[in-house]
C-alpha cells in the first residue's frame, strides 16, 4: 500500500485528487496539506511514500518544501504537480530532488501510473516537460542553468555498453540491479558510470539521470 500525502492550496484540487487515489487498492491518502510548511510537518509525522506537491502555495511554496524534505527523508518521493510548465520550475524542482514534474491536466490513469512509477524510483517527465528541459540543457554554455554543466558543447557520444547502462539508469535501477541484468560485476558497472559522468560533466546521479532522460526526447 502506497502512503500518499497531497499538498495543494486549492480545496477542490485536494479533494479531487484524494477521491481519485482512494479508489485504488494500492494507494492510501494519509493526509492533505494546504501549504508547503504543513506538508513538511505532516511528512515528518507520517513518513509517506510519496508527496504530490503543488508549486505555488502560501507560507512555503512547493520548491522550498522539496528542498527541505529531500535531505531529511530521502525515501519519500516528491512528485511535483502544477498547472505551470515554466522552465525555471522544472529545473529547480528536479535539481532539488523531485521525482518528477507533472501538469495538472494529466489524465487520471496516467497520474496513477506516474505515482506508481515514481515510488519505484523512476524519474517522471511528460514529453512536453522533458522537451523543455532538453532545450535548456542543450543551450549554449552561458545560458545553461546550474543543474548541469557538460564540459563540451559538442554532442556527447556513448559506447553501446554505456548506452545499455544509461537505459537502466533512467529506469531508476541501482548499480547492483544493472550488474545483474547485464551480467557484469558491480565494480565494472561503477567504472562505466564514472565514464558516463565524465562525459556529461557531473558526479551527481540525480542530475545525470535528469540530463540523460531529457536527451532521449531530442
Protein backbone atom coordinates (compact mmCIF):
# COMPACT_ATOMS: atom_id res chain seq x y z
CA UNK A 1 0.00 0.00 0.00
CA UNK A 2 1.48 3.34 -1.06
CA UNK A 3 1.03 6.07 1.54
CA UNK A 4 0.48 9.42 -0.19
CA UNK A 5 0.37 13.00 1.08
CA UNK A 6 -1.33 15.65 -1.07
CA UNK A 7 -0.17 19.28 -0.77
CA UNK A 8 -2.20 21.88 -2.67
CA UNK A 9 -3.69 25.20 -1.62
CA UNK A 10 -6.90 24.62 -3.62
CA UNK A 11 -9.52 22.66 -1.72
CA UNK A 12 -11.18 21.39 -4.90
CA UNK A 13 -7.89 20.04 -6.22
CA UNK A 14 -7.00 18.35 -2.92
CA UNK A 15 -10.42 16.73 -2.64
CA UNK A 16 -10.43 15.67 -6.29
CA UNK A 17 -7.01 14.04 -6.06
CA UNK A 18 -7.90 12.34 -2.81
CA UNK A 19 -11.07 10.87 -4.34
CA UNK A 20 -9.16 9.53 -7.34
CA UNK A 21 -6.36 7.99 -5.29
CA UNK A 22 -8.55 6.46 -2.60
CA UNK A 23 -10.34 4.38 -5.26
CA UNK A 24 -7.09 2.50 -5.91
CA UNK A 25 -6.44 -0.66 -3.91
CA UNK A 26 -2.72 0.03 -3.62
CA UNK A 27 -2.95 3.68 -2.56
CA UNK A 28 -3.91 5.45 0.65
CA UNK A 29 -4.05 9.22 1.14
CA UNK A 30 -2.73 9.59 4.67
CA UNK A 31 -3.20 13.37 4.85
CA UNK A 32 -3.67 16.58 2.87
CA UNK A 33 -1.91 19.92 3.34
CA UNK A 34 -2.73 23.48 2.30
CA UNK A 35 0.86 24.70 2.02
CA UNK A 36 4.45 23.53 1.95
CA UNK A 37 5.03 24.17 5.65
CA UNK A 38 2.12 21.94 6.61
CA UNK A 39 3.28 19.33 4.11
CA UNK A 40 6.73 19.17 5.71
CA UNK A 41 5.23 18.80 9.19
CA UNK A 42 2.90 16.02 8.08
CA UNK A 43 5.68 14.27 6.17
CA UNK A 44 7.79 14.20 9.32
CA UNK A 45 4.92 12.70 11.29
CA UNK A 46 3.54 10.24 8.72
CA UNK A 47 6.58 9.40 6.53
CA UNK A 48 4.57 8.91 3.32
CA UNK A 49 5.97 7.02 0.35
CA UNK A 50 5.15 9.96 -1.93
CA UNK A 51 4.10 13.59 -1.71
CA UNK A 52 2.04 15.13 -4.50
CA UNK A 53 3.32 18.70 -4.23
CA UNK A 54 1.85 21.82 -5.81
CA UNK A 55 4.33 24.57 -6.71
CA UNK A 56 2.58 27.85 -5.90
CA UNK A 57 1.35 27.68 -2.32
CA UNK A 58 1.26 30.22 0.53
CA UNK A 59 3.55 30.15 3.60
CA UNK A 60 6.07 27.81 1.91
CA UNK A 61 5.98 27.05 -1.81
CA UNK A 62 6.49 23.64 -3.34
CA UNK A 63 10.08 24.21 -4.41
CA UNK A 64 11.17 25.23 -0.92
CA UNK A 65 9.26 22.29 0.54
CA UNK A 66 11.11 19.91 -1.80
CA UNK A 67 14.43 21.43 -0.70
CA UNK A 68 13.51 20.85 2.93
CA UNK A 69 12.07 17.36 2.59
CA UNK A 70 14.53 15.54 0.36
CA UNK A 71 17.65 15.73 2.59
CA UNK A 72 15.65 14.75 5.68
CA UNK A 73 13.51 11.98 4.18
CA UNK A 74 15.30 10.61 1.10
CA UNK A 75 12.95 7.61 0.90
CA UNK A 76 9.93 9.89 0.44
CA UNK A 77 9.44 10.71 -3.22
CA UNK A 78 8.12 14.13 -4.16
CA UNK A 79 6.12 14.39 -7.37
CA UNK A 80 5.52 17.98 -8.42
CA UNK A 81 2.02 18.57 -9.77
CA UNK A 82 1.22 22.01 -11.15
CA UNK A 83 -0.55 24.00 -13.83
CA UNK A 84 2.72 25.69 -14.75
CA UNK A 85 5.28 24.23 -17.14
CA UNK A 86 7.77 27.09 -16.96
CA UNK A 87 11.42 26.15 -17.44
CA UNK A 88 12.68 27.55 -14.16
CA UNK A 89 10.20 25.50 -12.14
CA UNK A 90 11.22 22.35 -14.00
CA UNK A 91 14.91 22.93 -13.45
CA UNK A 92 14.71 23.90 -9.79
CA UNK A 93 12.27 21.18 -8.74
CA UNK A 94 14.28 18.39 -10.36
CA UNK A 95 17.64 19.79 -9.28
CA UNK A 96 16.48 19.69 -5.68
CA UNK A 97 15.41 16.08 -5.77
CA UNK A 98 11.84 15.96 -7.05
CA UNK A 99 10.96 12.56 -8.51
CA UNK A 100 9.17 14.16 -11.43
CA UNK A 101 7.14 17.03 -12.76
CA UNK A 102 3.55 16.54 -13.95
CA UNK A 103 0.99 19.02 -15.23
CA UNK A 104 -2.43 19.14 -13.56
CA UNK A 105 -4.25 18.43 -16.80
CA UNK A 106 -2.77 14.93 -16.88
CA UNK A 107 -5.42 12.19 -17.32
CA UNK A 108 -6.19 10.33 -14.10
CA UNK A 109 -4.95 6.98 -15.40
CA UNK A 110 -1.59 8.48 -16.34
CA UNK A 111 -1.37 10.21 -12.96
CA UNK A 112 -1.91 6.92 -11.15
CA UNK A 113 0.74 5.19 -13.22
CA UNK A 114 3.14 8.09 -12.68
CA UNK A 115 2.70 7.75 -8.92
CA UNK A 116 3.42 4.03 -9.04
CA UNK A 117 6.48 4.55 -11.23
CA UNK A 118 7.80 7.41 -9.09
CA UNK A 119 7.57 5.36 -5.90
CA UNK A 120 9.62 2.66 -7.63
CA UNK A 121 12.34 5.20 -8.34
CA UNK A 122 11.65 6.21 -11.93
CA UNK A 123 12.06 9.82 -12.96
CA UNK A 124 8.71 11.12 -14.22
CA UNK A 125 8.77 13.68 -17.01
CA UNK A 126 5.96 14.10 -19.56
CA UNK A 127 7.18 14.66 -23.12
CA UNK A 128 6.34 18.38 -23.12
CA UNK A 129 8.26 18.95 -19.89
CA UNK A 130 11.21 16.79 -20.95
CA UNK A 131 11.44 18.70 -24.23
CA UNK A 132 11.71 21.99 -22.37
CA UNK A 133 14.38 20.59 -20.09
CA UNK A 134 16.31 19.17 -23.02
CA UNK A 135 16.23 22.55 -24.75
CA UNK A 136 17.67 24.21 -21.67
CA UNK A 137 20.37 21.60 -21.20
CA UNK A 138 21.46 21.79 -24.83
CA UNK A 139 21.57 25.60 -24.87
CA UNK A 140 24.92 27.47 -25.13
CA UNK A 141 27.06 27.14 -22.01
CA UNK A 142 26.38 30.64 -20.68
CA UNK A 143 22.63 30.13 -20.91
CA UNK A 144 22.52 26.82 -19.09
CA UNK A 145 21.13 26.61 -15.55
CA UNK A 146 23.34 25.24 -12.76
CA UNK A 147 21.67 21.83 -12.88
CA UNK A 148 24.18 20.54 -15.40
CA UNK A 149 27.31 21.90 -16.99
CA UNK A 150 28.54 19.48 -19.69
CA UNK A 151 32.18 20.03 -20.48
CA UNK A 152 31.75 20.36 -24.22
CA UNK A 153 29.14 21.85 -26.48
CA UNK A 154 29.73 19.04 -28.98
CA UNK A 155 27.22 16.15 -28.89
CA UNK A 156 28.04 13.55 -26.27
CA UNK A 157 28.70 10.08 -27.70
CA UNK A 158 28.35 6.87 -25.70
CA UNK A 159 29.50 3.34 -26.42
CA UNK A 160 26.94 0.56 -26.86
CA UNK A 161 27.65 -0.71 -23.35
CA UNK A 162 27.30 2.76 -21.88
CA UNK A 163 24.00 3.19 -23.74
CA UNK A 164 22.70 -0.05 -22.21
CA UNK A 165 23.68 1.14 -18.75
CA UNK A 166 22.15 4.57 -19.34
CA UNK A 167 18.83 2.98 -20.29
CA UNK A 168 18.75 1.18 -16.95
CA UNK A 169 19.89 4.25 -15.01
CA UNK A 170 16.99 6.23 -16.46
CA UNK A 171 14.63 3.46 -15.31
CA UNK A 172 15.87 4.09 -11.78
CA UNK A 173 17.89 0.87 -11.46
CA UNK A 174 20.61 0.61 -8.83
CA UNK A 175 24.19 -0.37 -9.69
CA UNK A 176 23.54 -3.84 -8.28
CA UNK A 177 20.44 -4.29 -10.45
CA UNK A 178 22.28 -3.06 -13.52
CA UNK A 179 25.11 -5.51 -12.86
CA UNK A 180 22.67 -8.39 -12.52
CA UNK A 181 20.70 -7.51 -15.65
CA UNK A 182 23.80 -7.01 -17.82
CA UNK A 183 25.78 -9.92 -16.33
CA UNK A 184 28.59 -7.68 -15.10
CA UNK A 185 30.27 -7.11 -11.77
CA UNK A 186 29.08 -4.18 -9.71
CA UNK A 187 32.59 -2.72 -9.83
CA UNK A 188 32.58 -2.78 -13.63
CA UNK A 189 29.22 -1.01 -13.66
CA UNK A 190 30.62 1.69 -11.39
CA UNK A 191 33.53 2.18 -13.77
CA UNK A 192 31.20 2.59 -16.74
CA UNK A 193 29.01 5.02 -14.81
CA UNK A 194 32.09 7.05 -13.85
CA UNK A 195 32.94 7.29 -17.56
CA UNK A 196 29.39 8.43 -18.31
CA UNK A 197 29.61 11.06 -15.58
CA UNK A 198 32.90 12.27 -17.01
CA UNK A 199 31.39 12.69 -20.47
CA UNK A 200 28.46 14.81 -19.28
CA UNK A 201 30.36 16.67 -16.58
CA UNK A 202 28.73 15.67 -13.29
CA UNK A 203 29.32 13.36 -10.34
CA UNK A 204 25.70 13.54 -9.15
CA UNK A 205 23.48 10.61 -10.17
CA UNK A 206 20.20 12.54 -9.92
CA UNK A 207 21.45 15.33 -12.18
CA UNK A 208 22.93 12.78 -14.56
CA UNK A 209 19.63 10.90 -14.86
CA UNK A 210 17.73 14.16 -15.43
CA UNK A 211 20.15 15.12 -18.20
CA UNK A 212 20.16 11.67 -19.81
CA UNK A 213 16.38 11.32 -19.73
CA UNK A 214 15.93 14.78 -21.22
CA UNK A 215 18.33 13.95 -24.04
CA UNK A 216 16.15 11.00 -25.03
CA UNK A 217 13.44 13.32 -26.36
CA UNK A 218 15.75 15.27 -28.63
